N, C-alpha and C. Protein backbone atom coordinates (compact mmCIF):
# COMPACT_ATOMS: atom_id res chain seq x y z
N GLY A 1 0.83 -1.19 0.00
CA GLY A 1 0.00 0.00 0.00
C GLY A 1 0.86 1.25 0.00
N ASN A 2 0.48 2.22 0.79
CA ASN A 2 1.23 3.46 0.83
C ASN A 2 1.97 3.65 2.14
N LEU A 3 2.15 2.57 2.93
CA LEU A 3 2.87 2.65 4.20
C LEU A 3 4.14 1.82 4.17
N ILE A 4 5.13 2.29 4.89
CA ILE A 4 6.38 1.56 5.09
C ILE A 4 6.50 1.32 6.59
N TYR A 5 6.88 0.10 6.98
CA TYR A 5 7.10 -0.23 8.38
C TYR A 5 8.59 -0.45 8.59
N TYR A 6 9.10 0.04 9.73
CA TYR A 6 10.51 -0.19 10.05
C TYR A 6 10.67 -0.21 11.56
N VAL A 7 11.76 -0.85 12.01
CA VAL A 7 12.11 -0.90 13.43
C VAL A 7 13.35 -0.04 13.61
N ASP A 8 13.29 0.89 14.55
CA ASP A 8 14.42 1.80 14.76
C ASP A 8 15.44 1.21 15.74
N TYR A 9 16.45 2.00 16.04
CA TYR A 9 17.55 1.61 16.91
C TYR A 9 17.06 1.26 18.32
N TYR A 10 15.94 1.83 18.74
CA TYR A 10 15.40 1.60 20.08
C TYR A 10 14.36 0.49 20.12
N ASP A 11 14.33 -0.35 19.11
CA ASP A 11 13.40 -1.49 19.00
C ASP A 11 11.93 -1.06 18.99
N THR A 12 11.66 0.06 18.34
CA THR A 12 10.29 0.56 18.20
C THR A 12 9.85 0.38 16.76
N LEU A 13 8.65 -0.19 16.58
CA LEU A 13 8.08 -0.38 15.25
C LEU A 13 7.35 0.90 14.85
N HIS A 14 7.68 1.42 13.67
CA HIS A 14 7.07 2.64 13.14
C HIS A 14 6.36 2.35 11.83
N SER A 15 5.35 3.16 11.53
CA SER A 15 4.76 3.17 10.20
C SER A 15 4.87 4.60 9.69
N VAL A 16 5.18 4.75 8.40
CA VAL A 16 5.31 6.06 7.78
C VAL A 16 4.79 5.97 6.36
N ARG A 17 4.13 7.02 5.91
CA ARG A 17 3.65 7.03 4.53
C ARG A 17 4.84 7.10 3.58
N ILE A 18 4.64 6.67 2.36
CA ILE A 18 5.72 6.66 1.37
C ILE A 18 6.28 8.06 1.14
N ASP A 19 5.45 9.10 1.28
CA ASP A 19 5.93 10.47 1.09
C ASP A 19 6.66 11.01 2.32
N GLY A 20 6.81 10.18 3.39
CA GLY A 20 7.56 10.59 4.58
C GLY A 20 6.70 11.24 5.65
N LYS A 21 5.42 11.41 5.44
CA LYS A 21 4.53 12.04 6.41
C LYS A 21 3.91 10.99 7.32
N ASN A 22 3.40 11.48 8.45
CA ASN A 22 2.70 10.63 9.43
C ASN A 22 3.55 9.48 9.96
N ASN A 23 4.74 9.79 10.44
CA ASN A 23 5.59 8.79 11.07
C ASN A 23 5.01 8.49 12.45
N ILE A 24 4.48 7.29 12.63
CA ILE A 24 3.78 6.92 13.86
C ILE A 24 4.48 5.74 14.52
N SER A 25 4.63 5.82 15.83
CA SER A 25 5.16 4.70 16.60
C SER A 25 4.02 3.71 16.84
N VAL A 26 4.20 2.48 16.38
CA VAL A 26 3.16 1.46 16.49
C VAL A 26 3.30 0.66 17.79
N SER A 27 4.53 0.22 18.10
CA SER A 27 4.75 -0.59 19.30
C SER A 27 6.22 -0.53 19.70
N LYS A 28 6.47 -0.73 21.00
CA LYS A 28 7.84 -0.72 21.52
C LYS A 28 8.30 -2.14 21.84
N ASN A 29 9.60 -2.27 22.10
CA ASN A 29 10.22 -3.55 22.47
C ASN A 29 10.02 -4.64 21.43
N ILE A 30 10.18 -4.29 20.16
CA ILE A 30 9.99 -5.22 19.06
C ILE A 30 11.22 -6.12 18.93
N ASP A 31 10.99 -7.40 18.76
CA ASP A 31 12.07 -8.37 18.59
C ASP A 31 12.28 -8.70 17.12
N ALA A 32 11.19 -8.98 16.38
CA ALA A 32 11.29 -9.34 14.96
C ALA A 32 9.97 -9.01 14.27
N VAL A 33 10.03 -8.86 12.94
CA VAL A 33 8.85 -8.55 12.14
C VAL A 33 8.74 -9.60 11.03
N TYR A 34 7.50 -10.07 10.78
CA TYR A 34 7.24 -11.08 9.77
C TYR A 34 6.15 -10.56 8.84
N PRO A 35 6.51 -9.96 7.71
CA PRO A 35 5.50 -9.39 6.80
C PRO A 35 4.80 -10.46 5.96
N MET A 36 3.51 -10.23 5.73
CA MET A 36 2.70 -11.07 4.86
C MET A 36 2.08 -10.15 3.80
N ASP A 37 1.31 -10.72 2.87
CA ASP A 37 0.68 -9.91 1.83
C ASP A 37 -0.30 -8.88 2.39
N LYS A 38 -1.18 -9.32 3.29
CA LYS A 38 -2.24 -8.44 3.78
C LYS A 38 -2.08 -8.02 5.24
N CYS A 39 -1.09 -8.58 5.93
CA CYS A 39 -0.92 -8.26 7.34
C CYS A 39 0.56 -8.31 7.72
N LEU A 40 0.79 -8.01 8.98
CA LEU A 40 2.16 -7.98 9.50
C LEU A 40 2.14 -8.66 10.86
N TYR A 41 3.00 -9.63 11.08
CA TYR A 41 3.18 -10.25 12.38
C TYR A 41 4.45 -9.68 12.98
N TYR A 42 4.46 -9.53 14.30
CA TYR A 42 5.70 -9.12 14.96
C TYR A 42 5.74 -9.71 16.35
N THR A 43 6.96 -9.86 16.87
CA THR A 43 7.13 -10.34 18.24
C THR A 43 7.59 -9.18 19.10
N ARG A 44 7.05 -9.15 20.30
CA ARG A 44 7.32 -8.06 21.22
C ARG A 44 7.71 -8.63 22.57
N LYS A 45 8.74 -8.04 23.20
CA LYS A 45 9.17 -8.47 24.53
C LYS A 45 8.24 -7.84 25.56
N GLU A 46 7.70 -8.70 26.45
CA GLU A 46 6.79 -8.22 27.49
C GLU A 46 7.19 -8.80 28.84
N ARG A 47 6.91 -8.05 29.88
CA ARG A 47 7.26 -8.48 31.23
C ARG A 47 6.30 -9.57 31.69
N VAL A 48 6.85 -10.67 32.25
CA VAL A 48 6.03 -11.74 32.81
C VAL A 48 6.33 -11.97 34.29
N GLY A 49 7.25 -11.24 34.83
CA GLY A 49 7.60 -11.34 36.25
C GLY A 49 8.40 -10.10 36.62
N ASP A 50 8.91 -10.08 37.84
CA ASP A 50 9.68 -8.92 38.27
C ASP A 50 10.91 -8.69 37.39
N ASP A 51 11.63 -9.76 37.09
CA ASP A 51 12.85 -9.64 36.28
C ASP A 51 12.80 -10.48 35.02
N GLU A 52 11.65 -11.01 34.67
CA GLU A 52 11.54 -11.91 33.52
C GLU A 52 10.77 -11.28 32.38
N PHE A 53 11.23 -11.58 31.18
CA PHE A 53 10.55 -11.13 29.98
C PHE A 53 10.29 -12.33 29.08
N ALA A 54 9.25 -12.25 28.29
CA ALA A 54 8.94 -13.29 27.31
C ALA A 54 8.45 -12.60 26.05
N LEU A 55 8.39 -13.35 24.98
CA LEU A 55 7.91 -12.81 23.72
C LEU A 55 6.42 -13.08 23.56
N SER A 56 5.74 -12.15 22.90
CA SER A 56 4.36 -12.35 22.48
C SER A 56 4.30 -12.10 20.99
N ILE A 57 3.41 -12.81 20.31
CA ILE A 57 3.24 -12.65 18.87
C ILE A 57 1.99 -11.83 18.62
N TYR A 58 2.15 -10.77 17.83
CA TYR A 58 1.04 -9.88 17.48
C TYR A 58 0.79 -9.92 15.98
N LYS A 59 -0.44 -9.54 15.61
CA LYS A 59 -0.81 -9.43 14.21
C LYS A 59 -1.54 -8.11 14.01
N MET A 60 -1.28 -7.45 12.87
CA MET A 60 -2.03 -6.25 12.54
C MET A 60 -2.18 -6.16 11.03
N ASP A 61 -3.22 -5.43 10.60
CA ASP A 61 -3.43 -5.19 9.17
C ASP A 61 -2.30 -4.32 8.63
N LYS A 62 -2.08 -4.37 7.33
CA LYS A 62 -1.06 -3.52 6.71
C LYS A 62 -1.40 -2.03 6.86
N SER A 63 -2.67 -1.73 7.13
CA SER A 63 -3.08 -0.34 7.35
C SER A 63 -2.69 0.15 8.74
N GLY A 64 -2.19 -0.75 9.60
CA GLY A 64 -1.83 -0.39 10.96
C GLY A 64 -2.98 -0.53 11.93
N ARG A 65 -4.08 -1.09 11.49
CA ARG A 65 -5.27 -1.26 12.34
C ARG A 65 -5.43 -2.73 12.73
N ASN A 66 -6.42 -2.97 13.57
CA ASN A 66 -6.77 -4.32 14.02
C ASN A 66 -5.58 -5.06 14.63
N VAL A 67 -4.88 -4.41 15.54
CA VAL A 67 -3.76 -5.04 16.23
C VAL A 67 -4.32 -5.95 17.32
N HIS A 68 -3.86 -7.20 17.33
CA HIS A 68 -4.25 -8.10 18.42
C HIS A 68 -3.13 -9.10 18.71
N LYS A 69 -3.11 -9.52 19.97
CA LYS A 69 -2.12 -10.49 20.42
C LYS A 69 -2.60 -11.87 20.01
N VAL A 70 -1.72 -12.62 19.35
CA VAL A 70 -2.06 -13.96 18.89
C VAL A 70 -1.63 -15.00 19.92
N VAL A 71 -0.40 -14.89 20.43
CA VAL A 71 0.14 -15.85 21.40
C VAL A 71 0.96 -15.09 22.43
N PHE A 72 0.79 -15.45 23.71
CA PHE A 72 1.52 -14.80 24.80
C PHE A 72 2.53 -15.76 25.42
N ASN A 73 3.64 -15.20 25.88
CA ASN A 73 4.62 -15.91 26.70
C ASN A 73 5.27 -17.09 25.97
N VAL A 74 5.94 -16.80 24.87
CA VAL A 74 6.70 -17.82 24.14
C VAL A 74 8.18 -17.60 24.37
N ASP A 75 8.97 -18.65 24.25
CA ASP A 75 10.41 -18.55 24.50
C ASP A 75 11.21 -18.20 23.26
N LYS A 76 10.86 -18.76 22.16
CA LYS A 76 11.65 -18.59 20.94
C LYS A 76 10.71 -18.64 19.74
N VAL A 77 10.98 -17.81 18.73
CA VAL A 77 10.13 -17.74 17.54
C VAL A 77 11.02 -17.79 16.30
N GLU A 78 10.62 -18.59 15.34
CA GLU A 78 11.28 -18.66 14.03
C GLU A 78 10.19 -18.66 12.96
N SER A 79 10.53 -18.19 11.77
CA SER A 79 9.53 -18.19 10.71
C SER A 79 10.06 -18.90 9.47
N ASP A 80 9.14 -19.38 8.65
CA ASP A 80 9.47 -19.99 7.37
C ASP A 80 8.63 -19.25 6.32
N GLU A 81 9.27 -18.36 5.59
CA GLU A 81 8.55 -17.54 4.61
C GLU A 81 7.98 -18.36 3.46
N LEU A 82 8.64 -19.46 3.10
CA LEU A 82 8.16 -20.30 1.99
C LEU A 82 6.82 -20.95 2.30
N THR A 83 6.64 -21.38 3.54
CA THR A 83 5.38 -22.05 3.92
C THR A 83 4.44 -21.13 4.68
N SER A 84 4.84 -19.88 4.93
CA SER A 84 4.03 -18.91 5.69
C SER A 84 3.68 -19.44 7.07
N LYS A 85 4.68 -20.00 7.76
CA LYS A 85 4.45 -20.55 9.09
C LYS A 85 5.41 -19.92 10.09
N ILE A 86 4.92 -19.79 11.31
CA ILE A 86 5.74 -19.35 12.44
C ILE A 86 5.84 -20.55 13.38
N TYR A 87 7.04 -20.82 13.86
CA TYR A 87 7.27 -21.89 14.82
C TYR A 87 7.69 -21.25 16.13
N PHE A 88 7.12 -21.73 17.23
CA PHE A 88 7.50 -21.16 18.52
C PHE A 88 7.52 -22.23 19.60
N LYS A 89 8.34 -21.95 20.62
CA LYS A 89 8.50 -22.84 21.76
C LYS A 89 7.88 -22.16 22.97
N LYS A 90 7.20 -22.95 23.79
CA LYS A 90 6.51 -22.40 24.94
C LYS A 90 6.70 -23.35 26.12
N GLY A 91 7.17 -22.83 27.24
CA GLY A 91 7.30 -23.63 28.45
C GLY A 91 5.96 -23.71 29.17
N GLU A 92 5.53 -24.92 29.50
CA GLU A 92 4.26 -25.12 30.18
C GLU A 92 4.46 -26.18 31.26
N THR A 93 3.60 -26.17 32.24
CA THR A 93 3.68 -27.16 33.32
C THR A 93 2.45 -28.06 33.23
N ALA A 94 2.69 -29.36 33.36
CA ALA A 94 1.58 -30.33 33.36
C ALA A 94 1.62 -31.09 34.68
N ARG A 95 0.46 -31.36 35.24
CA ARG A 95 0.35 -32.11 36.49
C ARG A 95 -0.04 -33.55 36.15
N PHE A 96 0.73 -34.50 36.73
CA PHE A 96 0.48 -35.91 36.50
C PHE A 96 0.19 -36.61 37.82
N LYS A 97 -0.77 -37.54 37.77
CA LYS A 97 -1.02 -38.45 38.88
C LYS A 97 -0.12 -39.65 38.62
N VAL A 98 0.80 -39.93 39.55
CA VAL A 98 1.79 -41.00 39.36
C VAL A 98 1.53 -42.12 40.36
N TYR A 99 1.40 -43.35 39.83
CA TYR A 99 1.16 -44.49 40.71
C TYR A 99 1.61 -45.77 40.01
N GLU A 100 1.83 -46.81 40.84
CA GLU A 100 2.09 -48.14 40.31
C GLU A 100 0.73 -48.82 40.17
N PRO A 101 0.51 -49.57 39.10
CA PRO A 101 -0.81 -50.18 38.86
C PRO A 101 -1.35 -50.98 40.05
N LYS A 102 -0.48 -51.68 40.81
CA LYS A 102 -0.94 -52.50 41.92
C LYS A 102 -1.16 -51.68 43.19
N LYS A 103 -0.66 -50.45 43.22
CA LYS A 103 -0.75 -49.61 44.43
C LYS A 103 -1.37 -48.26 44.09
N GLU A 104 -2.48 -48.26 43.43
CA GLU A 104 -3.10 -47.02 42.96
C GLU A 104 -3.45 -46.08 44.12
N LYS A 105 -3.68 -46.62 45.30
CA LYS A 105 -4.04 -45.79 46.45
C LYS A 105 -2.88 -44.89 46.88
N GLU A 106 -1.65 -45.24 46.51
CA GLU A 106 -0.48 -44.46 46.89
C GLU A 106 -0.09 -43.44 45.83
N ALA A 107 -1.03 -43.00 45.05
CA ALA A 107 -0.75 -42.06 43.97
C ALA A 107 -0.32 -40.71 44.52
N VAL A 108 0.59 -40.07 43.81
CA VAL A 108 1.03 -38.72 44.16
C VAL A 108 0.86 -37.82 42.94
N LEU A 109 0.70 -36.54 43.19
CA LEU A 109 0.61 -35.57 42.11
C LEU A 109 1.97 -34.90 41.96
N ILE A 110 2.50 -34.90 40.73
CA ILE A 110 3.80 -34.28 40.45
C ILE A 110 3.63 -33.34 39.26
N ASP A 111 4.23 -32.16 39.38
CA ASP A 111 4.21 -31.19 38.29
C ASP A 111 5.49 -31.33 37.48
N TYR A 112 5.35 -31.44 36.16
CA TYR A 112 6.49 -31.57 35.27
C TYR A 112 6.57 -30.35 34.36
N PRO A 113 7.75 -29.71 34.29
CA PRO A 113 7.91 -28.61 33.34
C PRO A 113 8.11 -29.19 31.94
N LEU A 114 7.28 -28.80 31.00
CA LEU A 114 7.35 -29.32 29.63
C LEU A 114 7.78 -28.22 28.68
N GLN A 115 8.42 -28.60 27.60
CA GLN A 115 8.72 -27.69 26.50
C GLN A 115 7.85 -28.13 25.33
N LYS A 116 6.93 -27.27 24.93
CA LYS A 116 6.05 -27.61 23.82
C LYS A 116 6.39 -26.74 22.62
N TYR A 117 6.40 -27.37 21.45
CA TYR A 117 6.72 -26.67 20.20
C TYR A 117 5.46 -26.63 19.34
N TYR A 118 5.20 -25.45 18.78
CA TYR A 118 3.98 -25.23 18.01
C TYR A 118 4.31 -24.68 16.62
N GLU A 119 3.36 -24.87 15.73
CA GLU A 119 3.43 -24.35 14.36
C GLU A 119 2.16 -23.53 14.15
N MET A 120 2.32 -22.29 13.65
CA MET A 120 1.15 -21.47 13.37
C MET A 120 1.16 -21.04 11.92
N ASP A 121 0.05 -21.27 11.24
CA ASP A 121 -0.11 -20.83 9.86
C ASP A 121 -0.45 -19.35 9.88
N MET A 122 0.39 -18.51 9.25
CA MET A 122 0.18 -17.06 9.28
C MET A 122 -1.01 -16.62 8.44
N ASN A 123 -1.52 -17.46 7.56
CA ASN A 123 -2.69 -17.10 6.76
C ASN A 123 -3.99 -17.32 7.54
N THR A 124 -4.03 -18.39 8.33
CA THR A 124 -5.28 -18.75 9.02
C THR A 124 -5.21 -18.58 10.54
N GLU A 125 -4.03 -18.35 11.09
CA GLU A 125 -3.76 -18.27 12.54
C GLU A 125 -4.05 -19.59 13.24
N GLU A 126 -4.12 -20.68 12.48
CA GLU A 126 -4.32 -21.99 13.08
C GLU A 126 -3.02 -22.44 13.74
N VAL A 127 -3.12 -22.82 15.02
CA VAL A 127 -1.96 -23.26 15.80
C VAL A 127 -2.06 -24.76 16.01
N LYS A 128 -0.94 -25.45 15.77
CA LYS A 128 -0.91 -26.90 15.92
C LYS A 128 0.33 -27.27 16.73
N GLN A 129 0.16 -28.10 17.75
CA GLN A 129 1.29 -28.57 18.54
C GLN A 129 2.03 -29.64 17.74
N VAL A 130 3.36 -29.53 17.65
CA VAL A 130 4.13 -30.48 16.86
C VAL A 130 5.08 -31.35 17.69
N LEU A 131 5.43 -30.92 18.91
CA LEU A 131 6.39 -31.70 19.71
C LEU A 131 6.27 -31.31 21.17
N THR A 132 6.42 -32.31 22.07
CA THR A 132 6.47 -32.06 23.51
C THR A 132 7.69 -32.76 24.07
N LEU A 133 8.50 -32.03 24.83
CA LEU A 133 9.67 -32.60 25.49
C LEU A 133 9.51 -32.47 27.00
N GLY A 134 10.03 -33.45 27.74
CA GLY A 134 10.00 -33.40 29.19
C GLY A 134 8.91 -34.24 29.82
N LEU A 135 8.25 -35.10 29.02
CA LEU A 135 7.21 -35.96 29.59
C LEU A 135 7.84 -37.01 30.51
N PRO A 136 7.15 -37.41 31.56
CA PRO A 136 7.70 -38.41 32.49
C PRO A 136 7.73 -39.81 31.86
N HIS A 137 8.55 -40.69 32.45
CA HIS A 137 8.69 -42.06 31.95
C HIS A 137 8.94 -43.00 33.13
N SER A 138 8.98 -44.31 32.88
CA SER A 138 9.19 -45.27 33.96
C SER A 138 10.60 -45.14 34.52
N GLU A 139 10.77 -45.62 35.75
CA GLU A 139 12.04 -45.49 36.45
C GLU A 139 12.57 -46.86 36.84
N GLU A 140 13.90 -46.95 37.04
CA GLU A 140 14.50 -48.19 37.57
C GLU A 140 14.64 -48.03 39.08
N LEU A 141 14.21 -49.05 39.82
CA LEU A 141 14.31 -49.02 41.27
C LEU A 141 15.12 -50.21 41.75
N LYS A 142 15.92 -50.02 42.83
CA LYS A 142 16.66 -51.14 43.42
C LYS A 142 15.74 -51.86 44.39
N THR A 143 15.67 -53.18 44.25
CA THR A 143 14.82 -53.96 45.15
C THR A 143 15.54 -55.24 45.55
N GLY A 144 15.17 -55.79 46.67
CA GLY A 144 15.68 -57.10 47.10
C GLY A 144 17.11 -57.07 47.59
N CYS A 145 17.60 -58.26 48.02
CA CYS A 145 18.96 -58.42 48.54
C CYS A 145 19.96 -58.30 47.40
N GLY A 146 21.09 -57.72 47.68
CA GLY A 146 22.15 -57.60 46.68
C GLY A 146 21.90 -56.47 45.68
N GLY A 147 20.88 -55.71 45.89
CA GLY A 147 20.62 -54.56 45.02
C GLY A 147 20.23 -54.91 43.60
N LYS A 148 19.56 -56.02 43.40
CA LYS A 148 19.12 -56.43 42.07
C LYS A 148 18.18 -55.36 41.50
N LYS A 149 18.46 -54.94 40.27
CA LYS A 149 17.64 -53.89 39.66
C LYS A 149 16.48 -54.50 38.89
N THR A 150 15.33 -53.94 39.12
CA THR A 150 14.16 -54.32 38.35
C THR A 150 13.46 -53.04 37.89
N THR A 151 12.80 -53.13 36.79
CA THR A 151 12.07 -51.97 36.29
C THR A 151 10.64 -52.03 36.80
N VAL A 152 10.21 -50.97 37.44
CA VAL A 152 8.84 -50.89 37.93
C VAL A 152 8.14 -49.86 37.07
N ASP A 153 7.18 -50.30 36.32
CA ASP A 153 6.44 -49.36 35.48
C ASP A 153 5.43 -48.61 36.34
N LYS A 154 5.48 -47.30 36.20
CA LYS A 154 4.52 -46.45 36.88
C LYS A 154 3.59 -45.89 35.83
N VAL A 155 2.41 -45.59 36.26
CA VAL A 155 1.43 -44.99 35.36
C VAL A 155 1.44 -43.49 35.59
N TYR A 156 1.54 -42.73 34.50
CA TYR A 156 1.52 -41.27 34.56
C TYR A 156 0.24 -40.82 33.85
N GLU A 157 -0.66 -40.30 34.63
CA GLU A 157 -1.96 -39.90 34.10
C GLU A 157 -2.09 -38.38 34.28
N GLU A 158 -2.21 -37.67 33.16
CA GLU A 158 -2.30 -36.21 33.26
C GLU A 158 -3.64 -35.82 33.88
N VAL A 159 -3.59 -34.90 34.82
CA VAL A 159 -4.82 -34.43 35.48
C VAL A 159 -4.95 -32.93 35.27
N THR A 160 -6.16 -32.45 35.35
CA THR A 160 -6.37 -31.02 35.19
C THR A 160 -6.07 -30.30 36.50
N TRP A 161 -5.69 -29.06 36.38
CA TRP A 161 -5.38 -28.25 37.56
C TRP A 161 -6.66 -27.92 38.31
N THR A 162 -6.56 -27.97 39.65
CA THR A 162 -7.69 -27.53 40.46
C THR A 162 -7.24 -26.26 41.18
N PRO A 163 -7.98 -25.17 40.99
CA PRO A 163 -7.56 -23.93 41.64
C PRO A 163 -7.62 -24.03 43.17
N SER A 164 -6.67 -23.42 43.81
CA SER A 164 -6.62 -23.41 45.27
C SER A 164 -6.82 -21.97 45.73
N TYR A 165 -7.66 -21.78 46.72
CA TYR A 165 -7.95 -20.42 47.21
C TYR A 165 -7.47 -20.24 48.64
N ASN A 166 -6.40 -20.94 49.03
CA ASN A 166 -5.87 -20.83 50.40
C ASN A 166 -5.09 -19.54 50.55
């Protein structure tokens, strides 16, 4: 169209008309920009804790309107211009009920930090999970005299979080 977008030295995304008029600051703390035919995606650093920052993915029309956050709190973002896809990694925690099949009454709840990898189509904004790392697995335990090792299979059943109001 008649707008040019650029990121300045201070990591601020600007839009300016081709004739140089109406230079407008669109957003601050920009990490990367991913242009498409009809829209523009960009990643922005946002505070998620006292000293922690994470990236969020935003989308806006080429006119500079209809800005909205697509994904919050991602660790890393890469794009593939040939397939019009954005790939991102997101740390998430999953709670599992862990027990041995014969001793289900002794189940414990354990939280596991997972790394999940996603693929997002920039044309449709459809997000699909492609990989999960950090899932729990069976353990080897020492049992009996002489420390003979046997494998005890445990069952890991993902459970939903229950809010606590204590």
